[in-house]
C-alpha cells in the first residue's frame, strides 16, 4: 500500500494517473471533477451523474448503466461508492461496461464527515480489496492518505465549513466562539501535521481516504 497525503498529493496522484489514461472514458458521478483535475482525460470523455452539472452528458444510475458491454477503456468512480445502495452491483456494472484489461479508478473516504443525504457507508482497504475482487477486478495499486494529525485537520476543517454554510445560527456568540476554537485547533494541527509528515506515514490504521487503481480481468 502506498502513502499519499490528503488533498494536494491526492489531486497530484489523480492528475498523473488520468494523464496516462487513453481511449474512451466513463466518469460515474462526475460532478465537477474536471474543474479540480484541470484537463479532460482520454480521447473521449463521458460524464454521468444522478444530477445535472456542466460535465454531465447523461443522467444515469450506477446500478444500471445505459451502455453496452465492454465499450469503455477506463472508468472513473471518485467518491461515489459510499453513496450507493448496492456497492457490489455498482462495481459489477463498472466491470461490465469496461473492455478486457480496462482500467478502474476508484476513490472512497474513510475517516471523513457524513456528507450528503445519501451517505451510507465507509470502506477499509481490506473491504475494498474484497469488493473489487468479487466484481471481477484485479488490484494494481492501492493508495491511502494516512496520518492521525491529517485526519484531525480534515475533520476540523469540515466541521468549520458545516457550521458556516449549513448552520443558520452560526453568528450567535456561542457558535462563533466554538468556530474560533475549532479554527485555533485546526491551525495547530495543520502546523504539527506538516512537521510530522514523515511520521504520519506509519499511521496505517488512520486513513482519511483510499484510492484504488485496478483492471478488469479477462
Protein backbone atom coordinates (compact mmCIF):
# COMPACT_ATOMS: atom_id res chain seq x y z
CA UNK A 1 0.00 0.00 0.00
CA UNK A 2 1.35 3.43 -0.96
CA UNK A 3 1.14 6.57 1.17
CA UNK A 4 -0.21 9.88 -0.08
CA UNK A 5 -1.20 12.99 1.85
CA UNK A 6 -4.80 14.08 1.63
CA UNK A 7 -5.87 16.95 -0.70
CA UNK A 8 -2.75 18.19 -2.53
CA UNK A 9 -1.00 14.86 -3.10
CA UNK A 10 -4.29 13.07 -3.77
CA UNK A 11 -5.02 15.58 -6.53
CA UNK A 12 -1.49 15.17 -7.93
CA UNK A 13 -1.94 11.39 -7.99
CA UNK A 14 -5.27 11.78 -9.78
CA UNK A 15 -3.83 14.14 -12.40
CA UNK A 16 -0.82 11.92 -13.08
CA UNK A 17 -2.95 8.79 -13.44
CA UNK A 18 -5.61 10.43 -15.62
CA UNK A 19 -2.91 11.86 -17.90
CA UNK A 20 -1.76 8.32 -18.66
CA UNK A 21 -5.26 7.08 -19.49
CA UNK A 22 -6.25 6.82 -23.14
CA UNK A 23 -9.32 5.86 -25.10
CA UNK A 24 -12.95 6.13 -24.12
CA UNK A 25 -13.51 7.27 -20.52
CA UNK A 26 -16.65 7.00 -18.37
CA UNK A 27 -16.79 9.20 -15.26
CA UNK A 28 -19.55 7.94 -12.95
CA UNK A 29 -20.82 10.56 -10.53
CA UNK A 30 -18.75 13.11 -12.42
CA UNK A 31 -19.98 16.27 -10.72
CA UNK A 32 -17.41 18.99 -11.37
CA UNK A 33 -14.37 16.73 -11.06
CA UNK A 34 -12.75 18.14 -14.21
CA UNK A 35 -12.56 21.55 -12.56
CA UNK A 36 -10.23 20.01 -9.96
CA UNK A 37 -8.24 17.91 -12.43
CA UNK A 38 -7.72 20.80 -14.87
CA UNK A 39 -7.97 18.79 -18.09
CA UNK A 40 -10.17 16.22 -19.86
CA UNK A 41 -8.67 12.71 -19.73
CA UNK A 42 -8.76 10.21 -22.58
CA UNK A 43 -9.64 10.66 -26.22
CA UNK A 44 -13.36 10.67 -25.37
CA UNK A 45 -14.84 11.64 -22.01
CA UNK A 46 -18.43 10.90 -20.95
CA UNK A 47 -19.69 12.09 -17.57
CA UNK A 48 -22.77 10.58 -15.95
CA UNK A 49 -24.44 11.51 -12.68
CA UNK A 50 -27.81 11.48 -10.93
CA UNK A 51 -27.83 15.29 -11.04
CA UNK A 52 -27.03 17.70 -13.84
CA UNK A 53 -23.69 19.51 -13.91
CA UNK A 54 -21.76 21.21 -16.71
CA UNK A 55 -19.90 17.93 -17.35
CA UNK A 56 -22.90 15.60 -17.17
CA UNK A 57 -23.64 14.12 -20.59
CA UNK A 58 -26.26 11.73 -19.24
CA UNK A 59 -28.36 11.29 -16.11
CA UNK A 60 -27.87 7.65 -15.07
CA UNK A 61 -27.95 5.29 -12.09
CA UNK A 62 -24.72 3.39 -11.42
CA UNK A 63 -26.77 0.28 -10.56
CA UNK A 64 -27.97 0.08 -14.17
CA UNK A 65 -25.76 1.97 -16.60
CA UNK A 66 -27.28 2.58 -20.08
CA UNK A 67 -24.25 1.31 -22.03
CA UNK A 68 -23.40 -1.91 -23.85
CA UNK A 69 -20.83 -4.38 -22.54
CA UNK A 70 -17.14 -3.60 -22.99
CA UNK A 71 -17.46 -0.19 -24.64
CA UNK A 72 -15.12 1.83 -22.39
CA UNK A 73 -11.37 1.75 -21.85
CA UNK A 74 -11.43 3.28 -18.39
CA UNK A 75 -13.93 4.06 -15.65
CA UNK A 76 -13.62 6.77 -13.00
CA UNK A 77 -15.61 6.32 -9.79
CA UNK A 78 -14.46 9.09 -7.47
CA UNK A 79 -16.15 9.43 -4.05
CA UNK A 80 -19.27 7.60 -5.27
CA UNK A 81 -19.34 4.13 -3.75
CA UNK A 82 -20.23 5.39 -0.25
CA UNK A 83 -23.41 6.93 -1.69
CA UNK A 84 -24.87 3.90 -3.49
CA UNK A 85 -27.32 1.38 -2.04
CA UNK A 86 -25.67 -1.71 -3.53
CA UNK A 87 -21.90 -1.22 -3.99
CA UNK A 88 -21.43 -4.78 -5.27
CA UNK A 89 -23.91 -4.23 -8.10
CA UNK A 90 -22.34 -0.84 -8.84
CA UNK A 91 -18.88 -2.39 -9.21
CA UNK A 92 -20.26 -5.18 -11.40
CA UNK A 93 -21.71 -2.51 -13.69
CA UNK A 94 -18.32 -0.77 -13.83
CA UNK A 95 -16.81 -4.11 -14.79
CA UNK A 96 -19.45 -4.85 -17.40
CA UNK A 97 -19.00 -1.64 -19.40
CA UNK A 98 -15.20 -2.00 -19.49
CA UNK A 99 -13.26 -3.90 -22.15
CA UNK A 100 -10.90 -6.65 -21.01
CA UNK A 101 -7.97 -5.08 -19.13
CA UNK A 102 -9.96 -1.83 -18.88
CA UNK A 103 -8.87 0.44 -16.01
CA UNK A 104 -10.91 1.31 -12.92
CA UNK A 105 -10.03 4.37 -10.85
CA UNK A 106 -11.88 4.22 -7.54
CA UNK A 107 -11.63 6.55 -4.56
CA UNK A 108 -13.62 6.41 -1.31
CA UNK A 109 -13.49 8.27 2.02
CA UNK A 110 -12.80 6.58 5.32
CA UNK A 111 -12.31 8.90 8.33
CA UNK A 112 -14.41 11.72 6.93
CA UNK A 113 -17.59 13.51 7.94
CA UNK A 114 -21.04 12.37 6.87
CA UNK A 115 -21.75 14.23 3.63
CA UNK A 116 -24.97 14.50 1.60
CA UNK A 117 -28.33 12.92 2.43
CA UNK A 118 -27.23 9.66 0.83
CA UNK A 119 -24.06 8.70 2.69
CA UNK A 120 -24.44 5.03 3.56
CA UNK A 121 -21.03 3.55 4.45
CA UNK A 122 -17.24 3.63 4.69
CA UNK A 123 -14.75 1.09 3.34
CA UNK A 124 -11.45 -0.09 4.79
CA UNK A 125 -8.64 -1.09 2.46
CA UNK A 126 -9.45 -4.75 3.15
CA UNK A 127 -13.10 -4.19 2.34
CA UNK A 128 -12.19 -2.53 -0.96
CA UNK A 129 -9.90 -5.40 -1.94
CA UNK A 130 -12.72 -7.84 -1.32
CA UNK A 131 -15.37 -5.84 -3.17
CA UNK A 132 -13.37 -5.21 -6.34
CA UNK A 133 -12.15 -8.81 -6.44
CA UNK A 134 -15.72 -10.07 -6.15
CA UNK A 135 -16.73 -7.78 -9.02
CA UNK A 136 -14.05 -9.19 -11.35
CA UNK A 137 -11.22 -6.68 -10.97
CA UNK A 138 -7.54 -7.27 -10.33
CA UNK A 139 -5.88 -4.78 -7.99
CA UNK A 140 -2.92 -2.88 -9.43
CA UNK A 141 -2.28 -0.18 -6.81
CA UNK A 142 -3.80 0.85 -3.50
CA UNK A 143 -3.11 4.26 -2.01
CA UNK A 144 -4.03 5.50 1.47
CA UNK A 145 -3.96 9.02 2.87
CA UNK A 146 -2.60 8.20 6.33
CA UNK A 147 -1.99 10.34 9.38
CA UNK A 148 -3.74 10.94 12.69
CA UNK A 149 -2.98 14.65 12.54
CA UNK A 150 -4.19 14.89 8.93
CA UNK A 151 -7.40 13.11 9.97
CA UNK A 152 -7.99 15.60 12.76
CA UNK A 153 -7.13 18.53 10.48
CA UNK A 154 -9.67 17.40 7.90
CA UNK A 155 -12.43 16.79 10.45
CA UNK A 156 -11.87 20.23 12.00
CA UNK A 157 -11.93 21.85 8.56
CA UNK A 158 -15.19 20.09 7.61
CA UNK A 159 -16.75 20.97 10.97
CA UNK A 160 -15.99 24.67 10.46
CA UNK A 161 -17.28 24.52 6.89
CA UNK A 162 -20.50 22.85 8.00
CA UNK A 163 -21.10 25.48 10.69
CA UNK A 164 -20.57 28.39 8.32
CA UNK A 165 -22.52 27.01 5.33
CA UNK A 166 -25.25 24.90 6.96
CA UNK A 167 -25.95 26.32 10.43
CA UNK A 168 -28.37 29.25 10.20
CA UNK A 169 -27.50 30.35 13.75
CA UNK A 170 -23.74 30.24 13.34
CA UNK A 171 -23.46 34.01 14.03
CA UNK A 172 -24.56 33.64 17.65
CA UNK A 173 -21.87 34.28 20.25
CA UNK A 174 -21.65 30.65 21.35
CA UNK A 175 -21.41 29.36 17.80
CA UNK A 176 -18.80 31.93 16.75
CA UNK A 177 -16.73 31.15 19.83
CA UNK A 178 -16.96 27.45 19.02
CA UNK A 179 -15.87 28.08 15.39
CA UNK A 180 -12.97 30.19 16.69
CA UNK A 181 -11.81 27.36 18.97
CA UNK A 182 -12.12 24.84 16.13
CA UNK A 183 -10.13 27.18 13.89
CA UNK A 184 -7.39 27.51 16.51
CA UNK A 185 -7.10 23.73 16.85
CA UNK A 186 -7.15 23.43 13.05
CA UNK A 187 -4.16 25.73 12.65
CA UNK A 188 -2.23 23.97 15.43
CA UNK A 189 -2.97 20.55 13.92
CA UNK A 190 -2.01 21.74 10.43
CA UNK A 191 1.36 23.03 11.65
CA UNK A 192 2.20 19.86 13.57
CA UNK A 193 0.87 17.71 10.72
CA UNK A 194 3.43 19.28 8.38
CA UNK A 195 6.23 18.94 10.93
CA UNK A 196 5.48 15.25 11.47
CA UNK A 197 4.58 14.41 7.88
CA UNK A 198 7.08 11.56 7.69
CA UNK A 199 5.89 10.04 10.97
CA UNK A 200 2.30 10.06 9.74
CA UNK A 201 3.24 7.56 7.05
CA UNK A 202 3.30 4.98 9.83
CA UNK A 203 -0.31 5.70 10.86
CA UNK A 204 -1.62 3.00 8.52
CA UNK A 205 -4.69 2.39 10.70
CA UNK A 206 -5.80 6.02 10.44
CA UNK A 207 -6.66 6.90 6.84
CA UNK A 208 -8.66 9.83 5.51
CA UNK A 209 -9.40 8.05 2.23
CA UNK A 210 -8.35 5.22 -0.07
CA UNK A 211 -7.72 5.16 -3.81
CA UNK A 212 -7.59 2.04 -5.95
CA UNK A 213 -6.33 1.51 -9.48
CA UNK A 214 -7.42 -1.84 -10.88
CA UNK A 215 -8.07 -3.55 -14.20
CA UNK A 216 -10.80 -5.83 -15.46
CA UNK A 217 -9.75 -9.46 -15.50
CA UNK A 218 -10.11 -11.28 -18.82
